[in-house]
Amino acid sequence: MVYAKWRLLMIDMVSISVPFLRRYYTETVSGGAFIDDRTLLERFGVDMSGCVSWDAEHQKFSFTQLHHKFESLPSSFASLAFKIINGTDFKQIPYIKIVGNPAKLLQGHNVYGSDNLELCIMAVVQAFVFGDHNLTDYLDWEHACIDYLDLTYTAHVENQTQAQQCLDMMRNIKVGQTKPWYDEKHRTTIYFNKGSELRANKVYLKLDELDSQINKLTRKYALTKYEHFRRQLIEITRPEVRQFATGALRFEVRVYRQWLNNNGLPTSLRLITDPELQKTEPDIIQRLWRLAFKDIFKSFEGATMNTYDKESVLKSLQAKFFRVTPTGRITYPKANRLYGLYRNIMTDGFERTKAGYPRETWRRHMDDFNDAGLSLAQLMNLTGDQSNVVPFIKMINVDFSKQLPADYVEPLSLARQYNQNPALLRLVS
């Protein structure tokens, strides 16, 4: 049996769109708008990509389909990316998309971090403003808005082996419209709702991701010797960071603008960073995370025993479903029928056995199993292949009171960090 200790809700990634001020773009007769390529190259100083062809008649090169690729900006602890997206005749006005990881920007790693909306979102804004470019004054910050937020919670089990076994079990979960997707070559991550424009969930092993980040940063520093890469490596390789990542299962959801608006969180940059917002509803991030994972966690309800211990299963069914005859004898007709169904699922697998039952009958049987302590997720994991089964898991109630390591101190805003240590700002520039 696995007992998972839940902790650490955090905002793990932020994407912001900021339109350009009206005086820097040209409107078209069809209602669109654009910034001409010369302004992008000369005034804004960005690098452009596109197609190059030779015009033999006029003896000159021709450049078409010019666009700006994501460009990285270093900060004291991490990097963020931005991209200019030009308008068209039929689409939105030109804007900049800014993407960054608040925890990495504020403290150098995202093994744990903050769920403070103002602190996290403004970390991305401030890292962009302090960056080495001249774009800030051209932007209409009053009309900036959030594209998406990544909300993350961490569950800890005893070791990496148990964490991988828990993840393997989840591959067979199918609840309503929430379907799993995974790559057999990368078994440390499972995706749900991949490609959705509202929300996309994933579950992954944090230690594997941490090791991948360390390897990438080590290679980058070896090639460039940039000081901000060295600082990131120092933070991400601290012993307490690795200790926290060991045995950690990350439950992360990317929630997009429409989903946030539909569920009570404003996406205007001005409104979402208002300190009064979280004072009014301190647990708003927790509420949104719970809502986004509701269907997935519903499948774990009732998981209180080892699904592959046949004797334990039979005893649990008999303890729940029995009948006393007029002579005082105890019989177990329903328990025995359910146990026979359980044996069929073990032999033929969940999906094949389900196909032989009417929908309402099957649903009633699943409710009976759940009442006896056998969850839908456990039954779904019975594929008929006994060599690959994981004979344990129990997802306990989420304890939001134990969110952070005992010695965790929420970092200062980037602006205050730079004010206290001007060398960090010089490092960025």
Protein backbone atom coordinates (compact mmCIF):
# COMPACT_ATOMS: atom_id res chain seq x y z
CA MET A 1 0.00 0.00 0.00
CA VAL A 2 1.36 3.45 -0.92
CA TYR A 3 0.57 6.40 1.30
CA ALA A 4 1.18 9.65 -0.56
CA LYS A 5 1.92 12.78 1.45
CA TRP A 6 0.51 15.80 -0.38
CA ARG A 7 2.13 19.20 -0.21
CA LEU A 8 3.24 22.24 -2.12
CA LEU A 9 0.75 23.99 -4.33
CA MET A 10 2.59 26.43 -6.59
CA ILE A 11 2.28 28.49 -9.76
CA ASP A 12 4.79 26.83 -12.09
CA MET A 13 4.51 28.74 -15.38
CA VAL A 14 2.94 31.98 -16.58
CA SER A 15 2.22 33.23 -20.10
CA ILE A 16 1.22 36.88 -20.64
CA SER A 17 0.14 38.72 -23.79
CA VAL A 18 0.79 42.47 -23.97
CA PRO A 19 -0.49 44.47 -26.98
CA PHE A 20 1.51 47.29 -28.52
CA LEU A 21 0.42 50.87 -28.00
CA ARG A 22 -1.84 52.17 -30.76
CA ARG A 23 0.71 54.63 -32.17
CA TYR A 24 3.16 51.86 -33.09
CA TYR A 25 0.98 49.82 -35.45
CA THR A 26 -1.05 50.46 -38.60
CA GLU A 27 -4.69 49.53 -38.94
CA THR A 28 -6.01 47.99 -42.17
CA VAL A 29 -9.29 48.65 -43.95
CA SER A 30 -10.45 45.11 -43.16
CA GLY A 31 -10.16 45.67 -39.41
CA GLY A 32 -6.75 44.14 -38.77
CA ALA A 33 -3.49 45.75 -37.71
CA PHE A 34 0.23 45.21 -38.19
CA ILE A 35 3.71 46.58 -37.48
CA ASP A 36 5.84 46.95 -40.58
CA ASP A 37 9.02 44.88 -40.79
CA ARG A 38 11.32 47.91 -40.80
CA THR A 39 9.93 49.09 -37.46
CA LEU A 40 10.41 45.62 -35.98
CA LEU A 41 14.01 45.44 -37.19
CA GLU A 42 15.20 49.01 -36.66
CA ARG A 43 13.17 50.52 -33.82
CA PHE A 44 12.51 47.37 -31.77
CA GLY A 45 15.83 45.72 -32.64
CA VAL A 46 14.51 42.16 -32.88
CA ASP A 47 15.88 39.36 -35.07
CA MET A 48 13.54 38.12 -37.78
CA SER A 49 13.28 34.79 -39.56
CA GLY A 50 11.65 34.03 -42.88
CA CYS A 51 12.16 33.00 -46.51
CA VAL A 52 14.92 34.44 -48.71
CA SER A 53 14.80 34.32 -52.51
CA TRP A 54 16.89 35.88 -55.30
CA ASP A 55 15.11 38.27 -57.65
CA ALA A 56 17.10 37.81 -60.87
CA GLU A 57 15.24 40.55 -62.74
CA HIS A 58 16.07 43.28 -60.22
CA GLN A 59 19.31 41.64 -59.01
CA LYS A 60 18.43 41.67 -55.31
CA PHE A 61 17.29 39.42 -52.50
CA SER A 62 13.63 39.21 -51.58
CA PHE A 63 12.50 38.50 -48.00
CA THR A 64 9.04 37.08 -47.30
CA GLN A 65 7.10 35.53 -44.40
CA LEU A 66 9.21 37.37 -41.83
CA HIS A 67 8.42 36.54 -38.23
CA HIS A 68 9.96 36.74 -34.78
CA LYS A 69 10.90 33.50 -33.04
CA PHE A 70 10.86 33.10 -29.27
CA GLU A 71 13.85 34.96 -27.86
CA SER A 72 15.42 34.24 -24.46
CA LEU A 73 16.14 36.90 -21.86
CA PRO A 74 18.49 35.98 -18.98
CA SER A 75 17.70 36.97 -15.40
CA SER A 76 19.66 36.46 -12.20
CA PHE A 77 18.31 32.95 -11.59
CA ALA A 78 16.64 31.78 -14.81
CA SER A 79 15.60 32.79 -18.29
CA LEU A 80 12.28 33.76 -19.75
CA ALA A 81 11.19 33.94 -23.36
CA PHE A 82 9.28 36.48 -25.41
CA LYS A 83 7.97 36.62 -28.93
CA ILE A 84 6.47 39.43 -31.02
CA ILE A 85 3.34 38.24 -32.81
CA ASN A 86 2.34 40.58 -35.60
CA GLY A 87 -1.25 41.25 -36.51
CA THR A 88 -2.84 40.36 -39.84
CA ASP A 89 -5.72 41.63 -41.95
CA PHE A 90 -8.10 39.29 -40.17
CA LYS A 91 -6.69 38.73 -36.68
CA GLN A 92 -5.70 40.58 -33.52
CA ILE A 93 -3.51 43.62 -33.15
CA PRO A 94 0.24 43.04 -32.69
CA TYR A 95 1.33 41.90 -29.24
CA ILE A 96 4.19 40.36 -27.30
CA LYS A 97 3.86 36.97 -25.64
CA ILE A 98 6.01 36.62 -22.50
CA VAL A 99 6.53 33.19 -20.94
CA GLY A 100 8.41 32.48 -17.72
CA ASN A 101 8.63 30.23 -14.67
CA PRO A 102 8.09 32.37 -11.55
CA ALA A 103 9.72 29.93 -9.11
CA LYS A 104 12.88 29.67 -11.23
CA LEU A 105 13.01 33.44 -11.72
CA LEU A 106 12.62 34.14 -8.00
CA GLN A 107 14.73 31.37 -6.45
CA GLY A 108 16.53 29.37 -9.15
CA HIS A 109 14.44 26.16 -9.13
CA ASN A 110 10.82 25.02 -9.28
CA VAL A 111 10.94 21.98 -7.01
CA TYR A 112 8.83 24.04 -4.62
CA GLY A 113 7.63 27.64 -4.69
CA SER A 114 4.80 30.11 -4.12
CA ASP A 115 1.13 30.29 -5.08
CA ASN A 116 0.98 34.07 -4.56
CA LEU A 117 -0.57 35.43 -7.76
CA GLU A 118 0.86 38.94 -7.47
CA LEU A 119 4.39 37.74 -6.61
CA CYS A 120 4.52 35.05 -9.31
CA ILE A 121 2.98 36.95 -12.21
CA MET A 122 4.87 40.15 -11.46
CA ALA A 123 8.13 38.13 -11.36
CA VAL A 124 7.60 37.39 -15.07
CA VAL A 125 6.68 41.02 -15.81
CA GLN A 126 9.64 42.42 -13.85
CA ALA A 127 12.12 39.99 -15.42
CA PHE A 128 10.96 41.20 -18.84
CA VAL A 129 11.08 44.89 -17.87
CA PHE A 130 14.58 44.54 -16.41
CA GLY A 131 15.77 42.62 -19.49
CA ASP A 132 18.29 43.91 -21.98
CA HIS A 133 15.93 45.28 -24.65
CA ASN A 134 14.04 48.49 -25.46
CA LEU A 135 10.50 47.12 -25.86
CA THR A 136 8.84 47.95 -22.53
CA ASP A 137 7.79 51.52 -23.38
CA TYR A 138 6.11 50.46 -26.62
CA LEU A 139 3.61 48.19 -24.87
CA ASP A 140 0.07 48.80 -23.64
CA TRP A 141 0.38 47.22 -20.18
CA GLU A 142 -3.09 48.41 -19.17
CA HIS A 143 -4.61 45.86 -21.58
CA ALA A 144 -2.20 42.97 -20.90
CA CYS A 145 -3.82 39.63 -20.06
CA ILE A 146 -2.93 36.12 -18.93
CA ASP A 147 -2.80 33.37 -21.59
CA TYR A 148 -2.38 30.49 -19.15
CA LEU A 149 -1.13 29.45 -15.71
CA ASP A 150 0.45 26.14 -14.70
CA LEU A 151 -0.79 25.05 -11.26
CA THR A 152 1.18 22.27 -9.59
CA TYR A 153 0.81 20.07 -6.53
CA THR A 154 3.33 17.51 -5.30
CA ALA A 155 2.63 14.12 -3.70
CA HIS A 156 5.48 12.29 -1.97
CA VAL A 157 5.81 8.52 -1.70
CA GLU A 158 8.65 6.60 -0.06
CA ASN A 159 11.03 6.31 -3.04
CA GLN A 160 11.40 6.59 -6.81
CA THR A 161 10.35 2.98 -7.39
CA GLN A 162 7.00 3.55 -5.73
CA ALA A 163 6.58 6.84 -7.57
CA GLN A 164 7.09 5.07 -10.92
CA GLN A 165 4.66 2.31 -9.93
CA CYS A 166 2.00 4.87 -9.05
CA LEU A 167 2.53 6.56 -12.40
CA ASP A 168 2.29 3.23 -14.25
CA MET A 169 -1.06 2.55 -12.62
CA MET A 170 -2.47 5.89 -13.76
CA ARG A 171 -1.86 5.05 -17.43
CA ASN A 172 -5.09 3.05 -17.48
CA ILE A 173 -7.37 5.72 -16.00
CA LYS A 174 -10.24 6.82 -18.23
CA VAL A 175 -12.89 9.03 -16.66
CA GLY A 176 -15.46 10.77 -18.85
CA GLN A 177 -13.70 13.01 -21.34
CA THR A 178 -10.39 12.81 -19.49
CA LYS A 179 -8.19 10.38 -21.42
CA PRO A 180 -4.52 9.56 -20.77
CA TRP A 181 -1.71 9.97 -23.29
CA TYR A 182 1.90 8.95 -22.87
CA ASP A 183 4.99 8.15 -24.89
CA GLU A 184 6.36 4.65 -24.33
CA LYS A 185 9.89 6.06 -24.69
CA HIS A 186 9.31 8.53 -21.84
CA ARG A 187 7.48 6.68 -19.11
CA THR A 188 7.94 9.38 -16.47
CA THR A 189 5.06 11.60 -17.70
CA ILE A 190 1.36 11.03 -18.38
CA TYR A 191 -0.85 13.63 -20.09
CA PHE A 192 -4.61 14.08 -19.82
CA ASN A 193 -6.59 16.34 -22.20
CA LYS A 194 -3.45 16.93 -24.26
CA GLY A 195 -4.16 19.60 -26.86
CA SER A 196 -7.21 21.03 -25.09
CA GLU A 197 -7.76 24.78 -25.39
CA LEU A 198 -9.28 24.92 -21.89
CA ARG A 199 -7.03 22.85 -19.61
CA ALA A 200 -4.35 20.19 -19.95
CA ASN A 201 -3.36 17.94 -17.01
CA LYS A 202 -0.18 15.95 -16.57
CA VAL A 203 1.43 13.80 -13.90
CA TYR A 204 5.20 13.27 -13.86
CA LEU A 205 8.19 12.29 -11.74
CA LYS A 206 9.90 15.44 -10.48
CA LEU A 207 13.34 13.90 -9.85
CA ASP A 208 13.68 12.84 -13.49
CA GLU A 209 12.76 16.35 -14.63
CA LEU A 210 15.24 17.85 -12.16
CA ASP A 211 18.07 15.64 -13.46
CA SER A 212 17.19 16.66 -17.02
CA GLN A 213 17.32 20.36 -16.04
CA ILE A 214 20.70 19.89 -14.35
CA ASN A 215 22.13 18.17 -17.44
CA LYS A 216 20.89 20.94 -19.75
CA LEU A 217 22.22 23.72 -17.52
CA THR A 218 25.58 21.98 -17.15
CA ARG A 219 25.95 21.81 -20.93
CA LYS A 220 24.87 25.44 -21.38
CA TYR A 221 27.33 26.68 -18.77
CA ALA A 222 30.17 24.59 -20.22
CA LEU A 223 29.56 26.15 -23.65
CA THR A 224 28.92 29.78 -22.65
CA LYS A 225 30.33 30.34 -19.14
CA TYR A 226 27.42 32.73 -18.57
CA GLU A 227 27.16 33.73 -14.91
CA HIS A 228 23.37 33.30 -14.71
CA PHE A 229 23.73 29.63 -15.73
CA ARG A 230 26.27 29.12 -12.94
CA ARG A 231 23.90 30.70 -10.40
CA GLN A 232 21.04 28.49 -11.59
CA LEU A 233 23.21 25.37 -11.18
CA ILE A 234 24.11 26.33 -7.62
CA GLU A 235 20.44 26.64 -6.65
CA ILE A 236 19.14 23.60 -8.50
CA THR A 237 21.82 21.23 -7.11
CA ARG A 238 21.34 22.08 -3.44
CA PRO A 239 20.90 18.87 -1.34
CA GLU A 240 17.56 19.96 0.11
CA VAL A 241 16.19 20.53 -3.40
CA ARG A 242 17.14 17.04 -4.52
CA GLN A 243 15.80 15.53 -1.31
CA PHE A 244 12.42 17.17 -1.89
CA ALA A 245 12.32 15.97 -5.52
CA THR A 246 13.00 12.33 -4.59
CA GLY A 247 9.81 10.27 -4.55
CA ALA A 248 7.84 13.29 -5.78
CA LEU A 249 4.86 12.92 -8.12
CA ARG A 250 3.86 16.22 -9.67
CA PHE A 251 0.20 16.81 -10.53
CA GLU A 252 0.19 19.79 -12.86
CA VAL A 253 -2.51 21.46 -14.88
CA ARG A 254 -2.21 24.21 -17.48
CA VAL A 255 -5.38 26.29 -17.34
CA TYR A 256 -6.04 28.67 -20.21
CA ARG A 257 -7.69 32.08 -20.30
CA GLN A 258 -11.21 30.95 -21.10
CA TRP A 259 -11.17 28.25 -18.40
CA LEU A 260 -9.87 30.75 -15.83
CA ASN A 261 -12.55 33.28 -16.72
CA ASN A 262 -15.25 30.58 -16.62
CA ASN A 263 -14.15 29.58 -13.12
CA GLY A 264 -13.92 32.95 -11.44
CA LEU A 265 -10.34 34.16 -11.95
CA PRO A 266 -9.93 37.40 -13.92
CA THR A 267 -7.23 37.28 -16.59
CA SER A 268 -6.58 41.00 -16.94
CA LEU A 269 -3.00 41.59 -15.73
CA ARG A 270 -4.16 44.58 -13.69
CA LEU A 271 -6.94 42.64 -11.94
CA ILE A 272 -5.16 39.33 -11.37
CA THR A 273 -2.18 41.02 -9.68
CA ASP A 274 -4.37 43.11 -7.37
CA PRO A 275 -3.36 42.04 -3.80
CA GLU A 276 -7.00 42.30 -2.73
CA LEU A 277 -7.92 39.38 -5.03
CA GLN A 278 -6.24 36.70 -2.90
CA LYS A 279 -7.18 38.49 0.31
CA THR A 280 -10.81 38.06 -0.69
CA GLU A 281 -10.31 34.36 -1.60
CA PRO A 282 -6.99 33.14 -0.14
CA ASP A 283 -7.48 29.58 -1.44
CA ILE A 284 -8.40 30.52 -5.01
CA ILE A 285 -5.44 28.64 -6.57
CA GLN A 286 -6.19 25.60 -4.44
CA ARG A 287 -9.85 25.71 -5.55
CA LEU A 288 -8.91 25.92 -9.23
CA TRP A 289 -6.41 23.06 -8.94
CA ARG A 290 -8.97 20.85 -7.21
CA LEU A 291 -11.54 21.63 -9.89
CA ALA A 292 -9.10 20.87 -12.72
CA PHE A 293 -8.22 17.44 -11.25
CA LYS A 294 -11.72 16.56 -10.01
CA ASP A 295 -12.46 13.90 -12.65
CA ILE A 296 -9.08 12.22 -12.29
CA PHE A 297 -9.15 12.03 -8.52
CA LYS A 298 -12.74 10.80 -8.51
CA SER A 299 -11.47 7.56 -10.02
CA PHE A 300 -9.36 6.95 -6.88
CA GLU A 301 -12.28 7.08 -4.46
CA GLY A 302 -12.56 3.92 -2.37
CA ALA A 303 -8.98 2.73 -2.91
CA THR A 304 -8.23 1.23 0.53
CA MET A 305 -6.71 -2.17 -0.24
CA ASN A 306 -4.44 -4.26 -2.43
CA THR A 307 -6.35 -5.10 -5.61
CA TYR A 308 -4.24 -8.16 -6.37
CA ASP A 309 -4.69 -9.92 -3.04
CA LYS A 310 -7.63 -12.18 -3.99
CA GLU A 311 -8.31 -13.33 -0.45
CA SER A 312 -8.43 -9.72 0.79
CA VAL A 313 -10.80 -8.78 -2.02
CA LEU A 314 -13.18 -11.64 -1.22
CA LYS A 315 -13.18 -10.84 2.50
CA SER A 316 -13.91 -7.17 1.83
CA LEU A 317 -16.81 -8.04 -0.48
CA GLN A 318 -18.24 -10.52 2.03
CA ALA A 319 -17.94 -7.97 4.86
CA LYS A 320 -20.01 -5.53 2.82
CA PHE A 321 -22.51 -7.80 1.07
CA PHE A 322 -24.06 -10.61 3.10
CA ARG A 323 -27.52 -11.94 4.01
CA VAL A 324 -28.81 -13.67 7.12
CA THR A 325 -31.28 -16.53 6.45
CA PRO A 326 -34.35 -17.21 8.67
CA THR A 327 -32.34 -20.00 10.32
CA GLY A 328 -29.52 -17.58 11.20
CA ARG A 329 -27.05 -18.75 8.59
CA ILE A 330 -24.97 -16.04 6.83
CA THR A 331 -24.78 -16.30 3.04
CA TYR A 332 -22.87 -14.25 0.45
CA PRO A 333 -24.61 -14.52 -2.94
CA LYS A 334 -23.95 -10.94 -4.05
CA ALA A 335 -20.39 -10.91 -2.71
CA ASN A 336 -19.66 -14.15 -4.58
CA ARG A 337 -21.11 -12.77 -7.82
CA LEU A 338 -18.98 -9.64 -7.52
CA TYR A 339 -15.92 -11.74 -6.72
CA GLY A 340 -16.55 -13.77 -9.87
CA LEU A 341 -16.71 -10.52 -11.85
CA TYR A 342 -13.46 -9.41 -10.22
CA ARG A 343 -11.79 -12.68 -11.26
CA ASN A 344 -13.02 -12.17 -14.83
CA ILE A 345 -11.56 -8.65 -14.88
CA MET A 346 -8.24 -10.01 -13.62
CA THR A 347 -8.20 -12.68 -16.33
CA ASP A 348 -9.55 -10.77 -19.34
CA GLY A 349 -8.82 -7.16 -18.37
CA PHE A 350 -11.14 -4.27 -17.49
CA GLU A 351 -12.10 -3.10 -20.97
CA ARG A 352 -12.80 -6.55 -22.44
CA THR A 353 -14.94 -7.56 -19.45
CA LYS A 354 -16.83 -4.25 -19.50
CA ALA A 355 -17.79 -4.79 -23.16
CA GLY A 356 -19.94 -7.78 -22.15
CA TYR A 357 -22.24 -5.86 -19.78
CA PRO A 358 -25.04 -3.30 -20.24
CA ARG A 359 -23.90 0.18 -19.23
CA GLU A 360 -26.22 0.57 -16.22
CA THR A 361 -25.43 -2.91 -14.91
CA TRP A 362 -21.71 -2.22 -15.18
CA ARG A 363 -22.05 1.13 -13.44
CA ARG A 364 -23.97 -0.52 -10.59
CA HIS A 365 -21.25 -3.15 -10.20
CA MET A 366 -18.57 -0.46 -10.11
CA ASP A 367 -20.47 1.36 -7.35
CA ASP A 368 -20.64 -1.90 -5.39
CA PHE A 369 -16.89 -2.43 -5.73
CA ASN A 370 -16.27 1.14 -4.60
CA ASP A 371 -18.46 0.60 -1.52
CA ALA A 372 -16.29 -2.39 -0.66
CA GLY A 373 -13.07 -0.36 -0.94
CA LEU A 374 -12.04 -1.25 -4.50
CA SER A 375 -11.67 1.91 -6.59
CA LEU A 376 -12.41 2.44 -10.27
CA ALA A 377 -8.76 3.36 -10.89
CA GLN A 378 -7.59 0.05 -9.39
CA LEU A 379 -10.02 -1.96 -11.50
CA MET A 380 -9.06 -0.05 -14.66
CA ASN A 381 -5.46 -1.03 -14.04
CA LEU A 382 -6.37 -4.73 -14.35
CA THR A 383 -5.38 -5.36 -17.97
CA GLY A 384 -5.23 -9.16 -17.90
CA ASP A 385 -1.42 -9.04 -18.06
CA GLN A 386 -0.39 -10.17 -14.59
CA SER A 387 3.32 -9.60 -15.26
CA ASN A 388 2.86 -5.82 -15.42
CA VAL A 389 0.49 -5.19 -12.55
CA VAL A 390 1.23 -2.74 -9.74
CA PRO A 391 -0.29 -4.25 -6.59
CA PHE A 392 -0.65 -1.12 -4.50
CA ILE A 393 -1.79 2.46 -4.39
CA LYS A 394 -3.77 4.65 -2.09
CA MET A 395 -4.28 8.32 -2.82
CA ILE A 396 -5.08 9.94 0.52
CA ASN A 397 -6.98 13.17 1.01
CA VAL A 398 -5.00 16.20 -0.09
CA ASP A 399 -3.57 18.00 2.94
CA PHE A 400 -3.22 21.63 1.90
CA SER A 401 -1.84 22.56 5.32
CA LYS A 402 1.52 20.91 4.54
CA GLN A 403 2.44 22.71 1.39
CA LEU A 404 6.11 23.60 1.90
CA PRO A 405 9.32 22.46 3.58
CA ALA A 406 9.50 23.60 7.21
CA ASP A 407 12.32 26.07 6.51
CA TYR A 408 10.79 27.57 3.35
CA VAL A 409 10.76 31.37 3.16
CA GLU A 410 8.81 32.99 0.33
CA PRO A 411 11.25 34.92 -1.87
CA LEU A 412 11.20 38.68 -2.25
CA SER A 413 9.88 40.15 -5.47
CA LEU A 414 12.44 40.52 -8.26
CA ALA A 415 12.26 44.30 -7.93
CA ARG A 416 13.20 44.11 -4.23
CA GLN A 417 15.91 41.54 -4.92
CA TYR A 418 17.45 43.88 -7.50
CA ASN A 419 17.15 46.88 -5.17
CA GLN A 420 18.93 45.01 -2.38
CA ASN A 421 21.61 43.60 -4.68
CA PRO A 422 22.28 45.86 -7.72
CA ALA A 423 24.86 43.32 -8.96
CA LEU A 424 21.94 41.07 -9.98
CA LEU A 425 20.61 43.76 -12.29
CA ARG A 426 24.05 44.22 -13.84
CA LEU A 427 24.15 40.46 -14.34
CA VAL A 428 20.90 40.58 -16.30
CA SER A 429 22.10 43.41 -18.49
